[in-house]
Amino acid sequence: MAKHNKLGKEGELIAFMVLQRDGFTILETNWRFQKAEIDIIAKKDSFLIFIEVKTRGSKKFGKPSDTIDTKKIALYKDAVEGYLEQHPSEDEIRFDVVNIIIGKDETQIEHIPNAF
């Protein structure tokens, strides 16, 4: 596995554990629809939450979520529509991002509700 893929999987595992600790019920991980993937689908309170996990090894080039552009958001929203067709829900929909920086000395985690 390529180094960046390993880092991404490690970040997703950290996000999974932090979200569970914070009371989120994880419904799906790495859910695919056409060309898009939703890293984590969770429920909390009256929300169905679609979570993008972005991981980097340092802050050198800014926040990991800075790489989320309009094309990525459009793909993501298409995937959410696909998910909702297969799993109808009355819950309110929310899009979150979890930024993770896995540094040599520490790991930093930032959860951004309603990111886009």
PDB file of N, CA and C in Angstrom:
ATOM      1  N   MET A   1       0.852  -1.179   0.000  1.00  0.00           N
ATOM      2  CA  MET A   1       0.000   0.000   0.000  1.00  0.00           C
ATOM      3  C   MET A   1       0.895   1.239   0.000  1.00  0.00           C
ATOM      4  N   ALA A   2       0.537   2.204  -0.824  1.00  0.00           N
ATOM      5  CA  ALA A   2       1.304   3.449  -0.903  1.00  0.00           C
ATOM      6  C   ALA A   2       1.236   4.185   0.433  1.00  0.00           C
ATOM      7  N   LYS A   3       2.295   4.952   0.715  1.00  0.00           N
ATOM      8  CA  LYS A   3       2.400   5.659   1.989  1.00  0.00           C
ATOM      9  C   LYS A   3       1.196   6.580   2.236  1.00  0.00           C
ATOM     10  N   HIS A   4       0.763   7.325   1.189  1.00  0.00           N
ATOM     11  CA  HIS A   4      -0.369   8.247   1.381  1.00  0.00           C
ATOM     12  C   HIS A   4      -1.670   7.477   1.633  1.00  0.00           C
ATOM     13  N   ASN A   5      -1.822   6.300   1.027  1.00  0.00           N
ATOM     14  CA  ASN A   5      -3.020   5.492   1.280  1.00  0.00           C
ATOM     15  C   ASN A   5      -3.018   4.975   2.714  1.00  0.00           C
ATOM     16  N   LYS A   6      -1.848   4.567   3.199  1.00  0.00           N
ATOM     17  CA  LYS A   6      -1.729   4.079   4.574  1.00  0.00           C
ATOM     18  C   LYS A   6      -2.060   5.208   5.556  1.00  0.00           C
ATOM     19  N   LEU A   7      -1.568   6.401   5.281  1.00  0.00           N
ATOM     20  CA  LEU A   7      -1.837   7.560   6.132  1.00  0.00           C
ATOM     21  C   LEU A   7      -3.336   7.863   6.147  1.00  0.00           C
ATOM     22  N   GLY A   8      -3.972   7.802   4.976  1.00  0.00           N
ATOM     23  CA  GLY A   8      -5.411   8.052   4.892  1.00  0.00           C
ATOM     24  C   GLY A   8      -6.218   7.032   5.674  1.00  0.00           C
ATOM     25  N   LYS A   9      -5.853   5.761   5.571  1.00  0.00           N
ATOM     26  CA  LYS A   9      -6.567   4.708   6.315  1.00  0.00           C
ATOM     27  C   LYS A   9      -6.375   4.886   7.815  1.00  0.00           C
ATOM     28  N   GLU A  10      -5.178   5.278   8.218  1.00  0.00           N
ATOM     29  CA  GLU A  10      -4.913   5.528   9.637  1.00  0.00           C
ATOM     30  C   GLU A  10      -5.780   6.693  10.134  1.00  0.00           C
ATOM     31  N   GLY A  11      -5.887   7.753   9.321  1.00  0.00           N
ATOM     32  CA  GLY A  11      -6.727   8.890   9.678  1.00  0.00           C
ATOM     33  C   GLY A  11      -8.186   8.505   9.798  1.00  0.00           C
ATOM     34  N   GLU A  12      -8.671   7.665   8.886  1.00  0.00           N
ATOM     35  CA  GLU A  12     -10.067   7.226   8.944  1.00  0.00           C
ATOM     36  C   GLU A  12     -10.337   6.411  10.205  1.00  0.00           C
ATOM     37  N   LEU A  13      -9.383   5.585  10.601  1.00  0.00           N
ATOM     38  CA  LEU A  13      -9.544   4.795  11.827  1.00  0.00           C
ATOM     39  C   LEU A  13      -9.588   5.705  13.054  1.00  0.00           C
ATOM     40  N   ILE A  14      -8.722   6.700  13.085  1.00  0.00           N
ATOM     41  CA  ILE A  14      -8.724   7.659  14.200  1.00  0.00           C
ATOM     42  C   ILE A  14     -10.065   8.397  14.246  1.00  0.00           C
ATOM     43  N   ALA A  15     -10.537   8.871  13.096  1.00  0.00           N
ATOM     44  CA  ALA A  15     -11.814   9.587  13.038  1.00  0.00           C
ATOM     45  C   ALA A  15     -12.951   8.682  13.510  1.00  0.00           C
ATOM     46  N   PHE A  16     -12.963   7.441  13.070  1.00  0.00           N
ATOM     47  CA  PHE A  16     -13.976   6.465  13.467  1.00  0.00           C
ATOM     48  C   PHE A  16     -14.025   6.353  14.992  1.00  0.00           C
ATOM     49  N   MET A  17     -12.855   6.179  15.609  1.00  0.00           N
ATOM     50  CA  MET A  17     -12.796   6.011  17.070  1.00  0.00           C
ATOM     51  C   MET A  17     -13.223   7.278  17.802  1.00  0.00           C
ATOM     52  N   VAL A  18     -12.801   8.443  17.322  1.00  0.00           N
ATOM     53  CA  VAL A  18     -13.159   9.713  17.964  1.00  0.00           C
ATOM     54  C   VAL A  18     -14.666   9.961  17.845  1.00  0.00           C
ATOM     55  N   LEU A  19     -15.225   9.703  16.681  1.00  0.00           N
ATOM     56  CA  LEU A  19     -16.666   9.915  16.491  1.00  0.00           C
ATOM     57  C   LEU A  19     -17.475   8.976  17.385  1.00  0.00           C
ATOM     58  N   GLN A  20     -17.067   7.722  17.480  1.00  0.00           N
ATOM     59  CA  GLN A  20     -17.757   6.790  18.381  1.00  0.00           C
ATOM     60  C   GLN A  20     -17.674   7.279  19.822  1.00  0.00           C
ATOM     61  N   ARG A  21     -16.495   7.700  20.219  1.00  0.00           N
ATOM     62  CA  ARG A  21     -16.302   8.216  21.582  1.00  0.00           C
ATOM     63  C   ARG A  21     -17.216   9.401  21.858  1.00  0.00           C
ATOM     64  N   ASP A  22     -17.448  10.219  20.821  1.00  0.00           N
ATOM     65  CA  ASP A  22     -18.259  11.424  20.965  1.00  0.00           C
ATOM     66  C   ASP A  22     -19.759  11.172  20.767  1.00  0.00           C
ATOM     67  N   GLY A  23     -20.159   9.911  20.723  1.00  0.00           N
ATOM     68  CA  GLY A  23     -21.577   9.578  20.697  1.00  0.00           C
ATOM     69  C   GLY A  23     -22.204   9.393  19.331  1.00  0.00           C
ATOM     70  N   PHE A  24     -21.422   9.350  18.271  1.00  0.00           N
ATOM     71  CA  PHE A  24     -21.939   9.105  16.937  1.00  0.00           C
ATOM     72  C   PHE A  24     -22.156   7.603  16.763  1.00  0.00           C
ATOM     73  N   THR A  25     -23.238   7.241  16.098  1.00  0.00           N
ATOM     74  CA  THR A  25     -23.476   5.852  15.723  1.00  0.00           C
ATOM     75  C   THR A  25     -23.004   5.702  14.282  1.00  0.00           C
ATOM     76  N   ILE A  26     -21.995   4.886  14.071  1.00  0.00           N
ATOM     77  CA  ILE A  26     -21.434   4.702  12.734  1.00  0.00           C
ATOM     78  C   ILE A  26     -22.305   3.710  11.967  1.00  0.00           C
ATOM     79  N   LEU A  27     -22.811   4.134  10.812  1.00  0.00           N
ATOM     80  CA  LEU A  27     -23.661   3.281   9.982  1.00  0.00           C
ATOM     81  C   LEU A  27     -22.880   2.604   8.859  1.00  0.00           C
ATOM     82  N   GLU A  28     -21.960   3.333   8.268  1.00  0.00           N
ATOM     83  CA  GLU A  28     -21.181   2.826   7.126  1.00  0.00           C
ATOM     84  C   GLU A  28     -19.797   3.453   7.144  1.00  0.00           C
ATOM     85  N   THR A  29     -18.840   2.725   6.579  1.00  0.00           N
ATOM     86  CA  THR A  29     -17.520   3.298   6.307  1.00  0.00           C
ATOM     87  C   THR A  29     -17.155   2.977   4.865  1.00  0.00           C
ATOM     88  N   ASN A  30     -16.483   3.893   4.238  1.00  0.00           N
ATOM     89  CA  ASN A  30     -16.012   3.740   2.855  1.00  0.00           C
ATOM     90  C   ASN A  30     -17.134   3.317   1.909  1.00  0.00           C
ATOM     91  N   TRP A  31     -18.267   4.009   2.008  1.00  0.00           N
ATOM     92  CA  TRP A  31     -19.425   3.701   1.171  1.00  0.00           C
ATOM     93  C   TRP A  31     -19.219   4.298  -0.213  1.00  0.00           C
ATOM     94  N   ARG A  32     -19.314   3.479  -1.238  1.00  0.00           N
ATOM     95  CA  ARG A  32     -19.030   3.905  -2.609  1.00  0.00           C
ATOM     96  C   ARG A  32     -20.302   4.052  -3.439  1.00  0.00           C
ATOM     97  N   PHE A  33     -20.273   5.082  -4.295  1.00  0.00           N
ATOM     98  CA  PHE A  33     -21.336   5.306  -5.268  1.00  0.00           C
ATOM     99  C   PHE A  33     -20.681   5.887  -6.510  1.00  0.00           C
ATOM    100  N   GLN A  34     -20.716   5.157  -7.594  1.00  0.00           N
ATOM    101  CA  GLN A  34     -20.071   5.551  -8.848  1.00  0.00           C
ATOM    102  C   GLN A  34     -18.612   5.923  -8.588  1.00  0.00           C
ATOM    103  N   LYS A  35     -18.231   7.174  -8.840  1.00  0.00           N
ATOM    104  CA  LYS A  35     -16.829   7.579  -8.673  1.00  0.00           C
ATOM    105  C   LYS A  35     -16.531   8.198  -7.311  1.00  0.00           C
ATOM    106  N   ALA A  36     -17.515   8.213  -6.431  1.00  0.00           N
ATOM    107  CA  ALA A  36     -17.349   8.888  -5.137  1.00  0.00           C
ATOM    108  C   ALA A  36     -17.332   7.885  -3.995  1.00  0.00           C
ATOM    109  N   GLU A  37     -16.717   8.312  -2.924  1.00  0.00           N
ATOM    110  CA  GLU A  37     -16.704   7.509  -1.696  1.00  0.00           C
ATOM    111  C   GLU A  37     -17.000   8.423  -0.524  1.00  0.00           C
ATOM    112  N   ILE A  38     -17.869   7.950   0.343  1.00  0.00           N
ATOM    113  CA  ILE A  38     -18.142   8.665   1.592  1.00  0.00           C
ATOM    114  C   ILE A  38     -17.385   7.909   2.675  1.00  0.00           C
ATOM    115  N   ASP A  39     -16.479   8.602   3.345  1.00  0.00           N
ATOM    116  CA  ASP A  39     -15.616   7.935   4.317  1.00  0.00           C
ATOM    117  C   ASP A  39     -16.400   7.341   5.474  1.00  0.00           C
ATOM    118  N   ILE A  40     -17.287   8.140   6.076  1.00  0.00           N
ATOM    119  CA  ILE A  40     -18.065   7.672   7.222  1.00  0.00           C
ATOM    120  C   ILE A  40     -19.477   8.237   7.122  1.00  0.00           C
ATOM    121  N   ILE A  41     -20.457   7.375   7.347  1.00  0.00           N
ATOM    122  CA  ILE A  41     -21.852   7.798   7.456  1.00  0.00           C
ATOM    123  C   ILE A  41     -22.273   7.467   8.880  1.00  0.00           C
ATOM    124  N   ALA A  42     -22.801   8.470   9.577  1.00  0.00           N
ATOM    125  CA  ALA A  42     -23.118   8.295  11.000  1.00  0.00           C
ATOM    126  C   ALA A  42     -24.436   8.980  11.340  1.00  0.00           C
ATOM    127  N   LYS A  43     -24.940   8.648  12.511  1.00  0.00           N
ATOM    128  CA  LYS A  43     -26.126   9.305  13.062  1.00  0.00           C
ATOM    129  C   LYS A  43     -25.772   9.861  14.429  1.00  0.00           C
ATOM    130  N   LYS A  44     -26.337  11.014  14.705  1.00  0.00           N
ATOM    131  CA  LYS A  44     -26.252  11.578  16.045  1.00  0.00           C
ATOM    132  C   LYS A  44     -27.422  12.531  16.200  1.00  0.00           C
ATOM    133  N   ASP A  45     -28.125  12.369  17.308  1.00  0.00           N
ATOM    134  CA  ASP A  45     -29.325  13.159  17.551  1.00  0.00           C
ATOM    135  C   ASP A  45     -30.274  12.955  16.365  1.00  0.00           C
ATOM    136  N   SER A  46     -30.752  14.007  15.752  1.00  0.00           N
ATOM    137  CA  SER A  46     -31.695  13.852  14.636  1.00  0.00           C
ATOM    138  C   SER A  46     -31.008  14.083  13.286  1.00  0.00           C
ATOM    139  N   PHE A  47     -29.699  13.864  13.241  1.00  0.00           N
ATOM    140  CA  PHE A  47     -28.932  14.107  12.020  1.00  0.00           C
ATOM    141  C   PHE A  47     -28.398  12.812  11.421  1.00  0.00           C
ATOM    142  N   LEU A  48     -28.447  12.743  10.097  1.00  0.00           N
ATOM    143  CA  LEU A  48     -27.723  11.746   9.326  1.00  0.00           C
ATOM    144  C   LEU A  48     -26.528  12.502   8.775  1.00  0.00           C
ATOM    145  N   ILE A  49     -25.331  12.063   9.140  1.00  0.00           N
ATOM    146  CA  ILE A  49     -24.129  12.864   8.895  1.00  0.00           C
ATOM    147  C   ILE A  49     -23.187  12.131   7.945  1.00  0.00           C
ATOM    148  N   PHE A  50     -22.812  12.821   6.893  1.00  0.00           N
ATOM    149  CA  PHE A  50     -21.885  12.301   5.902  1.00  0.00           C
ATOM    150  C   PHE A  50     -20.542  12.981   6.163  1.00  0.00           C
ATOM    151  N   ILE A  51     -19.533  12.166   6.439  1.00  0.00           N
ATOM    152  CA  ILE A  51     -18.276  12.698   6.959  1.00  0.00           C
ATOM    153  C   ILE A  51     -17.115  12.385   6.020  1.00  0.00           C
ATOM    154  N   GLU A  52     -16.428  13.431   5.619  1.00  0.00           N
ATOM    155  CA  GLU A  52     -15.214  13.314   4.821  1.00  0.00           C
ATOM    156  C   GLU A  52     -14.032  13.433   5.776  1.00  0.00           C
ATOM    157  N   VAL A  53     -13.131  12.471   5.737  1.00  0.00           N
ATOM    158  CA  VAL A  53     -11.941  12.486   6.583  1.00  0.00           C
ATOM    159  C   VAL A  53     -10.753  12.853   5.704  1.00  0.00           C
ATOM    160  N   LYS A  54     -10.045  13.892   6.098  1.00  0.00           N
ATOM    161  CA  LYS A  54      -8.861  14.335   5.355  1.00  0.00           C
ATOM    162  C   LYS A  54      -7.662  14.250   6.285  1.00  0.00           C
ATOM    163  N   THR A  55      -6.620  13.577   5.825  1.00  0.00           N
ATOM    164  CA  THR A  55      -5.458  13.328   6.668  1.00  0.00           C
ATOM    165  C   THR A  55      -4.183  13.772   5.959  1.00  0.00           C
ATOM    166  N   ARG A  56      -3.296  14.358   6.740  1.00  0.00           N
ATOM    167  CA  ARG A  56      -1.961  14.736   6.247  1.00  0.00           C
ATOM    168  C   ARG A  56      -0.936  14.416   7.318  1.00  0.00           C
ATOM    169  N   GLY A  57       0.302  14.436   6.906  1.00  0.00           N
ATOM    170  CA  GLY A  57       1.404  14.170   7.824  1.00  0.00           C
ATOM    171  C   GLY A  57       1.951  15.427   8.480  1.00  0.00           C
ATOM    172  N   SER A  58       1.531  16.603   7.993  1.00  0.00           N
ATOM    173  CA  SER A  58       1.978  17.863   8.600  1.00  0.00           C
ATOM    174  C   SER A  58       1.035  18.981   8.163  1.00  0.00           C
ATOM    175  N   LYS A  59       1.217  20.163   8.784  1.00  0.00           N
ATOM    176  CA  LYS A  59       0.442  21.354   8.425  1.00  0.00           C
ATOM    177  C   LYS A  59       1.165  22.195   7.380  1.00  0.00           C
ATOM    178  N   LYS A  60       2.246  21.680   6.862  1.00  0.00           N
ATOM    179  CA  LYS A  60       3.105  22.441   5.955  1.00  0.00           C
ATOM    180  C   LYS A  60       2.335  23.096   4.796  1.00  0.00           C
ATOM    181  N   PHE A  61       1.340  22.396   4.266  1.00  0.00           N
ATOM    182  CA  PHE A  61       0.599  22.919   3.119  1.00  0.00           C
ATOM    183  C   PHE A  61      -0.827  23.320   3.482  1.00  0.00           C
ATOM    184  N   GLY A  62      -1.075  23.616   4.742  1.00  0.00           N
ATOM    185  CA  GLY A  62      -2.396  24.048   5.181  1.00  0.00           C
ATOM    186  C   GLY A  62      -3.215  22.905   5.756  1.00  0.00           C
ATOM    187  N   LYS A  63      -4.490  23.192   5.993  1.00  0.00           N
ATOM    188  CA  LYS A  63      -5.394  22.186   6.553  1.00  0.00           C
ATOM    189  C   LYS A  63      -5.674  21.107   5.509  1.00  0.00           C
ATOM    190  N   PRO A  64      -5.845  19.888   5.951  1.00  0.00           N
ATOM    191  CA  PRO A  64      -6.185  18.826   4.991  1.00  0.00           C
ATOM    192  C   PRO A  64      -7.452  19.141   4.198  1.00  0.00           C
ATOM    193  N   SER A  65      -8.440  19.747   4.835  1.00  0.00           N
ATOM    194  CA  SER A  65      -9.710  20.035   4.150  1.00  0.00           C
ATOM    195  C   SER A  65      -9.584  21.106   3.068  1.00  0.00           C
ATOM    196  N   ASP A  66      -8.454  21.808   3.016  1.00  0.00           N
ATOM    197  CA  ASP A  66      -8.251  22.813   1.974  1.00  0.00           C
ATOM    198  C   ASP A  66      -8.265  22.178   0.580  1.00  0.00           C
ATOM    199  N   THR A  67      -8.085  20.860   0.512  1.00  0.00           N
ATOM    200  CA  THR A  67      -8.071  20.170  -0.780  1.00  0.00           C
ATOM    201  C   THR A  67      -9.475  19.850  -1.300  1.00  0.00           C
ATOM    202  N   ILE A  68     -10.501  20.119  -0.508  1.00  0.00           N
ATOM    203  CA  ILE A  68     -11.872  19.836  -0.940  1.00  0.00           C
ATOM    204  C   ILE A  68     -12.339  20.976  -1.838  1.00  0.00           C
ATOM    205  N   ASP A  69     -12.515  20.667  -3.127  1.00  0.00           N
ATOM    206  CA  ASP A  69     -12.931  21.689  -4.080  1.00  0.00           C
ATOM    207  C   ASP A  69     -14.382  21.463  -4.512  1.00  0.00           C
ATOM    208  N   THR A  70     -14.877  22.329  -5.384  1.00  0.00           N
ATOM    209  CA  THR A  70     -16.283  22.245  -5.805  1.00  0.00           C
ATOM    210  C   THR A  70     -16.574  20.938  -6.545  1.00  0.00           C
ATOM    211  N   LYS A  71     -15.605  20.429  -7.290  1.00  0.00           N
ATOM    212  CA  LYS A  71     -15.796  19.156  -7.993  1.00  0.00           C
ATOM    213  C   LYS A  71     -15.974  18.013  -6.990  1.00  0.00           C
ATOM    214  N   LYS A  72     -15.156  18.000  -5.949  1.00  0.00           N
ATOM    215  CA  LYS A  72     -15.244  16.975  -4.908  1.00  0.00           C
ATOM    216  C   LYS A  72     -16.588  17.080  -4.187  1.00  0.00           C
ATOM    217  N   ILE A  73     -17.018  18.282  -3.881  1.00  0.00           N
ATOM    218  CA  ILE A  73     -18.295  18.483  -3.197  1.00  0.00           C
ATOM    219  C   ILE A  73     -19.449  17.978  -4.062  1.00  0.00           C
ATOM    220  N   ALA A  74     -19.412  18.264  -5.369  1.00  0.00           N
ATOM    221  CA  ALA A  74     -20.462  17.800  -6.272  1.00  0.00           C
ATOM    222  C   ALA A  74     -20.510  16.275  -6.325  1.00  0.00           C
ATOM    223  N   LEU A  75     -19.355  15.619  -6.429  1.00  0.00           N
ATOM    224  CA  LEU A  75     -19.296  14.151  -6.411  1.00  0.00           C
ATOM    225  C   LEU A  75     -19.855  13.611  -5.105  1.00  0.00           C
ATOM    226  N   TYR A  76     -19.483  14.259  -4.033  1.00  0.00           N
ATOM    227  CA  TYR A  76     -19.911  13.845  -2.695  1.00  0.00           C
ATOM    228  C   TYR A  76     -21.428  13.942  -2.563  1.00  0.00           C
ATOM    229  N   LYS A  77     -21.986  15.041  -3.024  1.00  0.00           N
ATOM    230  CA  LYS A  77     -23.442  15.225  -2.933  1.00  0.00           C
ATOM    231  C   LYS A  77     -24.180  14.214  -3.816  1.00  0.00           C
ATOM    232  N   ASP A  78     -23.611  13.860  -4.974  1.00  0.00           N
ATOM    233  CA  ASP A  78     -24.198  12.813  -5.808  1.00  0.00           C
ATOM    234  C   ASP A  78     -24.215  11.484  -5.049  1.00  0.00           C
ATOM    235  N   ALA A  79     -23.135  11.189  -4.351  1.00  0.00           N
ATOM    236  CA  ALA A  79     -23.057   9.951  -3.574  1.00  0.00           C
ATOM    237  C   ALA A  79     -24.094   9.949  -2.451  1.00  0.00           C
ATOM    238  N   VAL A  80     -24.290  11.088  -1.825  1.00  0.00           N
ATOM    239  CA  VAL A  80     -25.288  11.198  -0.759  1.00  0.00           C
ATOM    240  C   VAL A  80     -26.683  10.932  -1.331  1.00  0.00           C
ATOM    241  N   GLU A  81     -26.982  11.494  -2.497  1.00  0.00           N
ATOM    242  CA  GLU A  81     -28.273  11.227  -3.135  1.00  0.00           C
ATOM    243  C   GLU A  81     -28.443   9.738  -3.415  1.00  0.00           C
ATOM    244  N   GLY A  82     -27.365   9.088  -3.883  1.00  0.00           N
ATOM    245  CA  GLY A  82     -27.402   7.647  -4.119  1.00  0.00           C
ATOM    246  C   GLY A  82     -27.652   6.873  -2.838  1.00  0.00           C
ATOM    247  N   TYR A  83     -27.008   7.304  -1.770  1.00  0.00           N
ATOM    248  CA  TYR A  83     -27.205   6.638  -0.475  1.00  0.00           C
ATOM    249  C   TYR A  83     -28.662   6.783  -0.022  1.00  0.00           C
ATOM    250  N   LEU A  84     -29.191   7.985  -0.136  1.00  0.00           N
ATOM    251  CA  LEU A  84     -30.562   8.243   0.325  1.00  0.00           C
ATOM    252  C   LEU A  84     -31.610   7.517  -0.515  1.00  0.00           C
ATOM    253  N   GLU A  85     -31.307   7.271  -1.794  1.00  0.00           N
ATOM    254  CA  GLU A  85     -32.209   6.464  -2.616  1.00  0.00           C
ATOM    255  C   GLU A  85     -32.282   5.036  -2.080  1.00  0.00           C
ATOM    256  N   GLN A  86     -31.159   4.523  -1.632  1.00  0.00           N
ATOM    257  CA  GLN A  86     -31.089   3.151  -1.119  1.00  0.00           C
ATOM    258  C   GLN A  86     -31.498   3.055   0.345  1.00  0.00           C
ATOM    259  N   HIS A  87     -31.310   4.142   1.095  1.00  0.00           N
ATOM    260  CA  HIS A  87     -31.579   4.160   2.538  1.00  0.00           C
ATOM    261  C   HIS A  87     -32.362   5.431   2.886  1.00  0.00           C
ATOM    262  N   PRO A  88     -33.641   5.488   2.524  1.00  0.00           N
ATOM    263  CA  PRO A  88     -34.421   6.710   2.816  1.00  0.00           C
ATOM    264  C   PRO A  88     -34.372   7.057   4.308  1.00  0.00           C
ATOM    265  N   SER A  89     -34.356   8.349   4.580  1.00  0.00           N
ATOM    266  CA  SER A  89     -34.259   8.805   5.964  1.00  0.00           C
ATOM    267  C   SER A  89     -35.051  10.091   6.147  1.00  0.00           C
ATOM    268  N   GLU A  90     -35.657  10.216   7.298  1.00  0.00           N
ATOM    269  CA  GLU A  90     -36.370  11.440   7.666  1.00  0.00           C
ATOM    270  C   GLU A  90     -35.459  12.386   8.457  1.00  0.00           C
ATOM    271  N   ASP A  91     -34.254  11.918   8.771  1.00  0.00           N
ATOM    272  CA  ASP A  91     -33.318  12.735   9.543  1.00  0.00           C
ATOM    273  C   ASP A  91     -32.837  13.926   8.725  1.00  0.00           C
ATOM    274  N   GLU A  92     -32.427  14.949   9.439  1.00  0.00           N
ATOM    275  CA  GLU A  92     -31.801  16.099   8.805  1.00  0.00           C
ATOM    276  C   GLU A  92     -30.416  15.668   8.320  1.00  0.00           C
ATOM    277  N   ILE A  93     -29.998  16.198   7.170  1.00  0.00           N
ATOM    278  CA  ILE A  93     -28.723  15.824   6.563  1.00  0.00           C
ATOM    279  C   ILE A  93     -27.662  16.872   6.920  1.00  0.00           C
ATOM    280  N   ARG A  94     -26.459  16.372   7.196  1.00  0.00           N
ATOM    281  CA  ARG A  94     -25.349  17.279   7.509  1.00  0.00           C
ATOM    282  C   ARG A  94     -24.077  16.736   6.864  1.00  0.00           C
ATOM    283  N   PHE A  95     -23.209  17.639   6.426  1.00  0.00           N
ATOM    284  CA  PHE A  95     -21.922  17.280   5.843  1.00  0.00           C
ATOM    285  C   PHE A  95     -20.817  17.781   6.767  1.00  0.00           C
ATOM    286  N   ASP A  96     -20.060  16.862   7.329  1.00  0.00           N
ATOM    287  CA  ASP A  96     -18.959  17.218   8.231  1.00  0.00           C
ATOM    288  C   ASP A  96     -17.622  16.850   7.603  1.00  0.00           C
ATOM    289  N   VAL A  97     -16.589  17.465   8.104  1.00  0.00           N
ATOM    290  CA  VAL A  97     -15.215  17.108   7.740  1.00  0.00           C
ATOM    291  C   VAL A  97     -14.445  16.876   9.027  1.00  0.00           C
ATOM    292  N   VAL A  98     -13.605  15.859   9.016  1.00  0.00           N
ATOM    293  CA  VAL A  98     -12.669  15.643  10.117  1.00  0.00           C
ATOM    294  C   VAL A  98     -11.272  15.795   9.534  1.00  0.00           C
ATOM    295  N   ASN A  99     -10.562  16.823   9.990  1.00  0.00           N
ATOM    296  CA  ASN A  99      -9.164  17.042   9.615  1.00  0.00           C
ATOM    297  C   ASN A  99      -8.283  16.309  10.613  1.00  0.00           C
ATOM    298  N   ILE A 100      -7.324  15.553  10.103  1.00  0.00           N
ATOM    299  CA  ILE A 100      -6.385  14.858  10.982  1.00  0.00           C
ATOM    300  C   ILE A 100      -4.979  15.109  10.469  1.00  0.00           C
ATOM    301  N   ILE A 101      -4.134  15.541  11.372  1.00  0.00           N
ATOM    302  CA  ILE A 101      -2.715  15.703  11.060  1.00  0.00           C
ATOM    303  C   ILE A 101      -1.948  14.748  11.960  1.00  0.00           C
ATOM    304  N   ILE A 102      -1.322  13.766  11.346  1.00  0.00           N
ATOM    305  CA  ILE A 102      -0.551  12.772  12.087  1.00  0.00           C
ATOM    306  C   ILE A 102       0.921  13.175  11.986  1.00  0.00           C
ATOM    307  N   GLY A 103       1.364  13.909  12.987  1.00  0.00           N
ATOM    308  CA  GLY A 103       2.744  14.380  13.003  1.00  0.00           C
ATOM    309  C   GLY A 103       3.659  13.399  13.714  1.00  0.00           C
ATOM    310  N   LYS A 104       4.922  13.717  13.708  1.00  0.00           N
ATOM    311  CA  LYS A 104       5.912  12.854  14.371  1.00  0.00           C
ATOM    312  C   LYS A 104       5.709  12.833  15.881  1.00  0.00           C
ATOM    313  N   ASP A 105       5.331  13.978  16.454  1.00  0.00           N
ATOM    314  CA  ASP A 105       5.219  14.088  17.908  1.00  0.00           C
ATOM    315  C   ASP A 105       3.790  14.051  18.432  1.00  0.00           C
ATOM    316  N   GLU A 106       2.816  14.406  17.591  1.00  0.00           N
ATOM    317  CA  GLU A 106       1.436  14.432  18.057  1.00  0.00           C
ATOM    318  C   GLU A 106       0.473  14.287  16.886  1.00  0.00           C
ATOM    319  N   THR A 107      -0.756  13.918  17.224  1.00  0.00           N
ATOM    320  CA  THR A 107      -1.835  13.845  16.245  1.00  0.00           C
ATOM    321  C   THR A 107      -2.855  14.922  16.592  1.00  0.00           C
ATOM    322  N   GLN A 108      -3.230  15.710  15.596  1.00  0.00           N
ATOM    323  CA  GLN A 108      -4.223  16.775  15.811  1.00  0.00           C
ATOM    324  C   GLN A 108      -5.506  16.401  15.064  1.00  0.00           C
ATOM    325  N   ILE A 109      -6.641  16.588  15.756  1.00  0.00           N
ATOM    326  CA  ILE A 109      -7.929  16.237  15.183  1.00  0.00           C
ATOM    327  C   ILE A 109      -8.842  17.451  15.263  1.00  0.00           C
ATOM    328  N   GLU A 110      -9.471  17.799  14.151  1.00  0.00           N
ATOM    329  CA  GLU A 110     -10.411  18.906  14.097  1.00  0.00           C
ATOM    330  C   GLU A 110     -11.687  18.412  13.420  1.00  0.00           C
ATOM    331  N   HIS A 111     -12.799  18.422  14.131  1.00  0.00           N
ATOM    332  CA  HIS A 111     -14.094  18.028  13.569  1.00  0.00           C
ATOM    333  C   HIS A 111     -14.860  19.290  13.196  1.00  0.00           C
ATOM    334  N   ILE A 112     -15.226  19.404  11.936  1.00  0.00           N
ATOM    335  CA  ILE A 112     -15.933  20.583  11.450  1.00  0.00           C
ATOM    336  C   ILE A 112     -17.349  20.190  11.038  1.00  0.00           C
ATOM    337  N   PRO A 113     -18.352  20.452  11.918  1.00  0.00           N
ATOM    338  CA  PRO A 113     -19.744  20.182  11.543  1.00  0.00           C
ATOM    339  C   PRO A 113     -20.211  21.166  10.470  1.00  0.00           C
ATOM    340  N   ASN A 114     -21.132  20.729   9.618  1.00  0.00           N
ATOM    341  CA  ASN A 114     -21.681  21.591   8.559  1.00  0.00           C
ATOM    342  C   ASN A 114     -20.589  22.239   7.722  1.00  0.00           C
ATOM    343  N   ALA A 115     -19.628  21.449   7.307  1.00  0.00           N
ATOM    344  CA  ALA A 115     -18.467  21.980   6.586  1.00  0.00           C
ATOM    345  C   ALA A 115     -18.809  22.499   5.194  1.00  0.00           C
ATOM    346  N   PHE A 116     -19.793  21.885   4.548  1.00  0.00           N
ATOM    347  CA  PHE A 116     -20.214  22.360   3.219  1.00  0.00           C
ATOM    348  C   PHE A 116     -21.635  21.935   2.948  1.00  0.00           C
TER     349      PHE A 116
END
